[in-house]
PDB file of all heavy atoms in Angstrom:
ATOM      1  N   GLN A   1      -7.848  -1.520  -2.222  1.00  0.00           N
ATOM      2  CA  GLN A   1      -6.868  -0.366  -2.371  1.00  0.00           C
ATOM      3  C   GLN A   1      -7.002   0.611  -1.228  1.00  0.00           C
ATOM      4  O   GLN A   1      -5.950   1.128  -0.816  1.00  0.00           O
ATOM      5  CB  GLN A   1      -7.246   0.340  -3.684  1.00  0.00           C
ATOM      6  CG  GLN A   1      -6.934  -0.559  -4.920  1.00  0.00           C
ATOM      7  CD  GLN A   1      -7.380   0.068  -6.253  1.00  0.00           C
ATOM      8  OE1 GLN A   1      -7.327   1.224  -6.468  1.00  0.00           O
ATOM      9  NE2 GLN A   1      -7.875  -0.780  -7.138  1.00  0.00           N
ATOM     10  N   LEU A   2      -8.188   0.801  -0.684  1.00  0.00           N
ATOM     11  CA  LEU A   2      -8.329   1.723   0.483  1.00  0.00           C
ATOM     12  C   LEU A   2      -7.575   1.141   1.720  1.00  0.00           C
ATOM     13  O   LEU A   2      -6.963   1.862   2.420  1.00  0.00           O
ATOM     14  CB  LEU A   2      -9.763   1.944   0.814  1.00  0.00           C
ATOM     15  CG  LEU A   2     -10.575   2.780  -0.137  1.00  0.00           C
ATOM     16  CD1 LEU A   2     -12.031   2.745   0.154  1.00  0.00           C
ATOM     17  CD2 LEU A   2     -10.077   4.226  -0.133  1.00  0.00           C
ATOM     18  N   THR A   3      -7.681  -0.167   1.880  1.00  0.00           N
ATOM     19  CA  THR A   3      -6.893  -0.776   2.978  1.00  0.00           C
ATOM     20  C   THR A   3      -5.414  -0.661   2.771  1.00  0.00           C
ATOM     21  O   THR A   3      -4.701  -0.375   3.717  1.00  0.00           O
ATOM     22  CB  THR A   3      -7.305  -2.280   3.050  1.00  0.00           C
ATOM     23  OG1 THR A   3      -8.751  -2.388   3.234  1.00  0.00           O
ATOM     24  CG2 THR A   3      -6.646  -2.937   4.283  1.00  0.00           C
ATOM     25  N   LEU A   4      -5.022  -0.907   1.524  1.00  0.00           N
ATOM     26  CA  LEU A   4      -3.539  -0.857   1.261  1.00  0.00           C
ATOM     27  C   LEU A   4      -3.010   0.526   1.296  1.00  0.00           C
ATOM     28  O   LEU A   4      -1.864   0.804   1.759  1.00  0.00           O
ATOM     29  CB  LEU A   4      -3.259  -1.480  -0.107  1.00  0.00           C
ATOM     30  CG  LEU A   4      -1.814  -1.867  -0.453  1.00  0.00           C
ATOM     31  CD1 LEU A   4      -1.257  -2.713   0.623  1.00  0.00           C
ATOM     32  CD2 LEU A   4      -1.755  -2.537  -1.795  1.00  0.00           C
ATOM     33  N   GLN A   5      -3.790   1.541   0.862  1.00  0.00           N
ATOM     34  CA  GLN A   5      -3.375   2.945   0.908  1.00  0.00           C
ATOM     35  C   GLN A   5      -3.127   3.372   2.357  1.00  0.00           C
ATOM     36  O   GLN A   5      -2.101   4.095   2.629  1.00  0.00           O
ATOM     37  CB  GLN A   5      -4.425   3.811   0.272  1.00  0.00           C
ATOM     38  CG  GLN A   5      -4.435   3.709  -1.268  1.00  0.00           C
ATOM     39  CD  GLN A   5      -5.650   4.369  -1.865  1.00  0.00           C
ATOM     40  OE1 GLN A   5      -6.442   5.043  -1.150  1.00  0.00           O
ATOM     41  NE2 GLN A   5      -5.867   4.114  -3.155  1.00  0.00           N
ATOM     42  N   ALA A   6      -3.948   2.930   3.298  1.00  0.00           N
ATOM     43  CA  ALA A   6      -3.711   3.256   4.716  1.00  0.00           C
ATOM     44  C   ALA A   6      -2.445   2.629   5.263  1.00  0.00           C
ATOM     45  O   ALA A   6      -1.702   3.233   5.989  1.00  0.00           O
ATOM     46  CB  ALA A   6      -4.877   2.806   5.514  1.00  0.00           C
ATOM     47  N   ILE A   7      -2.200   1.379   4.794  1.00  0.00           N
ATOM     48  CA  ILE A   7      -0.924   0.709   5.189  1.00  0.00           C
ATOM     49  C   ILE A   7       0.287   1.498   4.712  1.00  0.00           C
ATOM     50  O   ILE A   7       1.235   1.763   5.450  1.00  0.00           O
ATOM     51  CB  ILE A   7      -0.904  -0.767   4.735  1.00  0.00           C
ATOM     52  CG1 ILE A   7      -1.996  -1.562   5.436  1.00  0.00           C
ATOM     53  CG2 ILE A   7       0.489  -1.347   4.904  1.00  0.00           C
ATOM     54  CD1 ILE A   7      -2.204  -2.895   4.824  1.00  0.00           C
ATOM     55  N   ARG A   8       0.223   1.869   3.431  1.00  0.00           N
ATOM     56  CA  ARG A   8       1.387   2.600   2.869  1.00  0.00           C
ATOM     57  C   ARG A   8       1.607   3.941   3.537  1.00  0.00           C
ATOM     58  O   ARG A   8       2.743   4.355   3.813  1.00  0.00           O
ATOM     59  CB  ARG A   8       1.201   2.789   1.375  1.00  0.00           C
ATOM     60  CG  ARG A   8       2.417   3.402   0.675  1.00  0.00           C
ATOM     61  CD  ARG A   8       2.299   3.468  -0.826  1.00  0.00           C
ATOM     62  NE  ARG A   8       3.556   3.901  -1.430  1.00  0.00           N
ATOM     63  CZ  ARG A   8       3.906   5.185  -1.591  1.00  0.00           C
ATOM     64  NH1 ARG A   8       3.055   6.139  -1.290  1.00  0.00           N
ATOM     65  NH2 ARG A   8       5.073   5.471  -2.123  1.00  0.00           N
ATOM     66  N   ALA A   9       0.544   4.692   3.792  1.00  0.00           N
ATOM     67  CA  ALA A   9       0.622   5.952   4.449  1.00  0.00           C
ATOM     68  C   ALA A   9       1.260   5.779   5.793  1.00  0.00           C
ATOM     69  O   ALA A   9       2.085   6.636   6.224  1.00  0.00           O
ATOM     70  CB  ALA A   9      -0.696   6.636   4.551  1.00  0.00           C
ATOM     71  N   ALA A  10       0.891   4.784   6.561  1.00  0.00           N
ATOM     72  CA  ALA A  10       1.470   4.562   7.895  1.00  0.00           C
ATOM     73  C   ALA A  10       2.923   4.227   7.784  1.00  0.00           C
ATOM     74  O   ALA A  10       3.758   4.635   8.645  1.00  0.00           O
ATOM     75  CB  ALA A  10       0.674   3.498   8.652  1.00  0.00           C
ATOM     76  N   LEU A  11       3.293   3.385   6.852  1.00  0.00           N
ATOM     77  CA  LEU A  11       4.720   3.011   6.632  1.00  0.00           C
ATOM     78  C   LEU A  11       5.505   4.271   6.291  1.00  0.00           C
ATOM     79  O   LEU A  11       6.637   4.468   6.773  1.00  0.00           O
ATOM     80  CB  LEU A  11       4.830   1.954   5.586  1.00  0.00           C
ATOM     81  CG  LEU A  11       4.395   0.583   5.930  1.00  0.00           C
ATOM     82  CD1 LEU A  11       4.336  -0.349   4.672  1.00  0.00           C
ATOM     83  CD2 LEU A  11       5.326  -0.068   6.938  1.00  0.00           C
ATOM     84  N   LEU A  12       4.968   5.106   5.453  1.00  0.00           N
ATOM     85  CA  LEU A  12       5.661   6.372   5.087  1.00  0.00           C
ATOM     86  C   LEU A  12       5.961   7.223   6.325  1.00  0.00           C
ATOM     87  O   LEU A  12       7.010   7.771   6.487  1.00  0.00           O
ATOM     88  CB  LEU A  12       4.906   7.134   4.043  1.00  0.00           C
ATOM     89  CG  LEU A  12       5.068   6.742   2.600  1.00  0.00           C
ATOM     90  CD1 LEU A  12       4.076   7.412   1.691  1.00  0.00           C
ATOM     91  CD2 LEU A  12       6.474   7.002   2.098  1.00  0.00           C
ATOM     92  N   THR A  13       4.925   7.385   7.142  1.00  0.00           N
ATOM     93  CA  THR A  13       5.064   8.204   8.331  1.00  0.00           C
ATOM     94  C   THR A  13       6.017   7.589   9.325  1.00  0.00           C
ATOM     95  O   THR A  13       6.835   8.320   9.854  1.00  0.00           O
ATOM     96  CB  THR A  13       3.692   8.362   8.983  1.00  0.00           C
ATOM     97  OG1 THR A  13       2.788   8.992   8.098  1.00  0.00           O
ATOM     98  CG2 THR A  13       3.780   9.178  10.267  1.00  0.00           C
ATOM     99  N   ALA A  14       5.967   6.295   9.484  1.00  0.00           N
ATOM    100  CA  ALA A  14       6.844   5.641  10.524  1.00  0.00           C
ATOM    101  C   ALA A  14       8.279   5.484  10.053  1.00  0.00           C
ATOM    102  O   ALA A  14       9.188   5.515  10.872  1.00  0.00           O
ATOM    103  CB  ALA A  14       6.249   4.303  10.996  1.00  0.00           C
ATOM    104  N   CYS A  15       8.439   5.153   8.733  1.00  0.00           N
ATOM    105  CA  CYS A  15       9.729   4.765   8.235  1.00  0.00           C
ATOM    106  C   CYS A  15      10.349   5.760   7.281  1.00  0.00           C
ATOM    107  O   CYS A  15      11.583   5.612   6.975  1.00  0.00           O
ATOM    108  CB  CYS A  15       9.625   3.422   7.558  1.00  0.00           C
ATOM    109  SG  CYS A  15       8.826   2.132   8.524  1.00  0.00           S
ATOM    110  N   GLY A  16       9.538   6.666   6.769  1.00  0.00           N
ATOM    111  CA  GLY A  16      10.081   7.615   5.827  1.00  0.00           C
ATOM    112  C   GLY A  16      10.134   7.158   4.396  1.00  0.00           C
ATOM    113  O   GLY A  16      10.459   7.847   3.454  1.00  0.00           O
ATOM    114  N   ALA A  17       9.749   5.882   4.187  1.00  0.00           N
ATOM    115  CA  ALA A  17       9.747   5.330   2.805  1.00  0.00           C
ATOM    116  C   ALA A  17       8.804   4.140   2.802  1.00  0.00           C
ATOM    117  O   ALA A  17       8.562   3.492   3.804  1.00  0.00           O
ATOM    118  CB  ALA A  17      11.107   4.842   2.440  1.00  0.00           C
ATOM    119  N   ALA A  18       8.244   3.845   1.622  1.00  0.00           N
ATOM    120  CA  ALA A  18       7.400   2.695   1.428  1.00  0.00           C
ATOM    121  C   ALA A  18       7.317   2.427  -0.099  1.00  0.00           C
ATOM    122  O   ALA A  18       7.340   3.367  -0.917  1.00  0.00           O
ATOM    123  CB  ALA A  18       5.997   2.958   1.982  1.00  0.00           C
ATOM    124  N   PRO A  19       7.239   1.169  -0.509  1.00  0.00           N
ATOM    125  CA  PRO A  19       7.154   0.896  -1.912  1.00  0.00           C
ATOM    126  C   PRO A  19       5.809   1.380  -2.473  1.00  0.00           C
ATOM    127  O   PRO A  19       4.823   1.528  -1.785  1.00  0.00           O
ATOM    128  CB  PRO A  19       7.215  -0.674  -1.957  1.00  0.00           C
ATOM    129  CG  PRO A  19       6.852  -1.122  -0.603  1.00  0.00           C
ATOM    130  CD  PRO A  19       7.265  -0.039   0.342  1.00  0.00           C
ATOM    131  N   ALA A  20       5.836   1.610  -3.775  1.00  0.00           N
ATOM    132  CA  ALA A  20       4.621   1.971  -4.473  1.00  0.00           C
ATOM    133  C   ALA A  20       3.583   0.817  -4.462  1.00  0.00           C
ATOM    134  O   ALA A  20       3.973  -0.308  -4.380  1.00  0.00           O
ATOM    135  CB  ALA A  20       4.934   2.395  -5.934  1.00  0.00           C
ATOM    136  N   ILE A  21       2.322   1.204  -4.565  1.00  0.00           N
ATOM    137  CA  ILE A  21       1.311   0.234  -4.588  1.00  0.00           C
ATOM    138  C   ILE A  21       1.167  -0.384  -5.994  1.00  0.00           C
ATOM    139  O   ILE A  21       1.110   0.320  -6.955  1.00  0.00           O
ATOM    140  CB  ILE A  21      -0.062   0.779  -4.109  1.00  0.00           C
ATOM    141  CG1 ILE A  21      -0.011   1.088  -2.638  1.00  0.00           C
ATOM    142  CG2 ILE A  21      -1.239  -0.150  -4.450  1.00  0.00           C
ATOM    143  CD1 ILE A  21      -1.263   1.815  -2.160  1.00  0.00           C
ATOM    144  N   GLU A  22       1.137  -1.693  -6.055  1.00  0.00           N
ATOM    145  CA  GLU A  22       0.895  -2.427  -7.327  1.00  0.00           C
ATOM    146  C   GLU A  22      -0.482  -2.992  -7.304  1.00  0.00           C
ATOM    147  O   GLU A  22      -0.913  -3.648  -6.318  1.00  0.00           O
ATOM    148  CB  GLU A  22       1.948  -3.505  -7.501  1.00  0.00           C
ATOM    149  CG  GLU A  22       3.343  -3.115  -7.367  1.00  0.00           C
ATOM    150  CD  GLU A  22       4.311  -4.306  -7.347  1.00  0.00           C
ATOM    151  OE1 GLU A  22       4.102  -5.243  -8.142  1.00  0.00           O
ATOM    152  OE2 GLU A  22       5.241  -4.354  -6.444  1.00  0.00           O
ATOM    153  N   ILE A  23      -1.254  -2.806  -8.399  1.00  0.00           N
ATOM    154  CA  ILE A  23      -2.552  -3.403  -8.494  1.00  0.00           C
ATOM    155  C   ILE A  23      -2.466  -4.624  -9.363  1.00  0.00           C
ATOM    156  O   ILE A  23      -2.044  -4.559 -10.548  1.00  0.00           O
ATOM    157  CB  ILE A  23      -3.600  -2.386  -9.062  1.00  0.00           C
ATOM    158  CG1 ILE A  23      -3.632  -1.129  -8.239  1.00  0.00           C
ATOM    159  CG2 ILE A  23      -4.944  -3.097  -9.139  1.00  0.00           C
ATOM    160  CD1 ILE A  23      -3.954  -1.356  -6.815  1.00  0.00           C
ATOM    161  N   ALA A  24      -2.853  -5.771  -8.885  1.00  0.00           N
ATOM    162  CA  ALA A  24      -2.746  -7.056  -9.552  1.00  0.00           C
ATOM    163  C   ALA A  24      -4.131  -7.653  -9.676  1.00  0.00           C
ATOM    164  O   ALA A  24      -4.764  -8.097  -8.668  1.00  0.00           O
ATOM    165  CB  ALA A  24      -1.832  -7.999  -8.873  1.00  0.00           C
ATOM    166  N   ARG A  25      -4.623  -7.742 -10.912  1.00  0.00           N
ATOM    167  CA  ARG A  25      -6.012  -8.266 -11.113  1.00  0.00           C
ATOM    168  C   ARG A  25      -6.136  -9.761 -10.709  1.00  0.00           C
ATOM    169  O   ARG A  25      -7.238 -10.177 -10.364  1.00  0.00           O
ATOM    170  CB  ARG A  25      -6.455  -8.045 -12.547  1.00  0.00           C
ATOM    171  CG  ARG A  25      -6.631  -6.579 -12.883  1.00  0.00           C
ATOM    172  CD  ARG A  25      -7.493  -6.345 -14.110  1.00  0.00           C
ATOM    173  NE  ARG A  25      -7.843  -4.981 -14.158  1.00  0.00           N
ATOM    174  CZ  ARG A  25      -8.914  -4.378 -13.620  1.00  0.00           C
ATOM    175  NH1 ARG A  25      -9.655  -5.185 -12.851  1.00  0.00           N
ATOM    176  NH2 ARG A  25      -9.171  -3.135 -13.755  1.00  0.00           N
ATOM    177  N   ASP A  26      -5.065 -10.508 -10.814  1.00  0.00           N
ATOM    178  CA  ASP A  26      -5.143 -11.892 -10.419  1.00  0.00           C
ATOM    179  C   ASP A  26      -5.442 -12.032  -8.871  1.00  0.00           C
ATOM    180  O   ASP A  26      -5.890 -13.137  -8.444  1.00  0.00           O
ATOM    181  CB  ASP A  26      -3.871 -12.594 -10.715  1.00  0.00           C
ATOM    182  CG  ASP A  26      -3.865 -13.117 -12.221  1.00  0.00           C
ATOM    183  OD1 ASP A  26      -4.918 -12.978 -12.850  1.00  0.00           O
ATOM    184  OD2 ASP A  26      -2.810 -13.512 -12.722  1.00  0.00           O
ATOM    185  N   TRP A  27      -5.218 -10.981  -8.095  1.00  0.00           N
ATOM    186  CA  TRP A  27      -5.567 -11.108  -6.675  1.00  0.00           C
ATOM    187  C   TRP A  27      -6.939 -10.613  -6.337  1.00  0.00           C
ATOM    188  O   TRP A  27      -7.294 -10.437  -5.215  1.00  0.00           O
ATOM    189  CB  TRP A  27      -4.521 -10.269  -5.877  1.00  0.00           C
ATOM    190  CG  TRP A  27      -3.198 -10.954  -5.652  1.00  0.00           C
ATOM    191  CD1 TRP A  27      -2.054 -10.663  -6.233  1.00  0.00           C
ATOM    192  CD2 TRP A  27      -2.963 -12.159  -4.847  1.00  0.00           C
ATOM    193  NE1 TRP A  27      -1.049 -11.602  -5.849  1.00  0.00           N
ATOM    194  CE2 TRP A  27      -1.605 -12.460  -4.983  1.00  0.00           C
ATOM    195  CE3 TRP A  27      -3.798 -12.881  -4.040  1.00  0.00           C
ATOM    196  CZ2 TRP A  27      -1.055 -13.550  -4.335  1.00  0.00           C
ATOM    197  CZ3 TRP A  27      -3.205 -14.005  -3.370  1.00  0.00           C
ATOM    198  CH2 TRP A  27      -1.860 -14.315  -3.525  1.00  0.00           C
ATOM    199  N   ASP A  28      -7.767 -10.471  -7.368  1.00  0.00           N
ATOM    200  CA  ASP A  28      -9.195 -10.142  -7.188  1.00  0.00           C
ATOM    201  C   ASP A  28      -9.930 -11.396  -6.635  1.00  0.00           C
ATOM    202  O   ASP A  28      -9.486 -12.536  -6.854  1.00  0.00           O
ATOM    203  CB  ASP A  28      -9.826  -9.735  -8.502  1.00  0.00           C
ATOM    204  CG  ASP A  28     -11.174  -9.027  -8.316  1.00  0.00           C
ATOM    205  OD1 ASP A  28     -11.518  -8.760  -7.152  1.00  0.00           O
ATOM    206  OD2 ASP A  28     -11.758  -8.722  -9.335  1.00  0.00           O
ATOM    207  N   ASP A  29     -10.991 -11.121  -5.883  1.00  0.00           N
ATOM    208  CA  ASP A  29     -11.851 -12.189  -5.505  1.00  0.00           C
ATOM    209  C   ASP A  29     -12.991 -12.245  -6.467  1.00  0.00           C
ATOM    210  O   ASP A  29     -13.093 -11.414  -7.381  1.00  0.00           O
ATOM    211  CB  ASP A  29     -12.328 -11.962  -4.081  1.00  0.00           C
ATOM    212  CG  ASP A  29     -12.679 -13.248  -3.326  1.00  0.00           C
ATOM    213  OD1 ASP A  29     -12.727 -14.340  -3.923  1.00  0.00           O
ATOM    214  OD2 ASP A  29     -12.901 -13.200  -2.084  1.00  0.00           O
TER     215      ASP A  29
END
């Protein structure tokens, strides 16, 4: 989530919009 939050924040800054973050337990290791 910390990695993804940084990606979303950068997309918001650069593009003015970004999709909401979805948490999916099946993508856990």
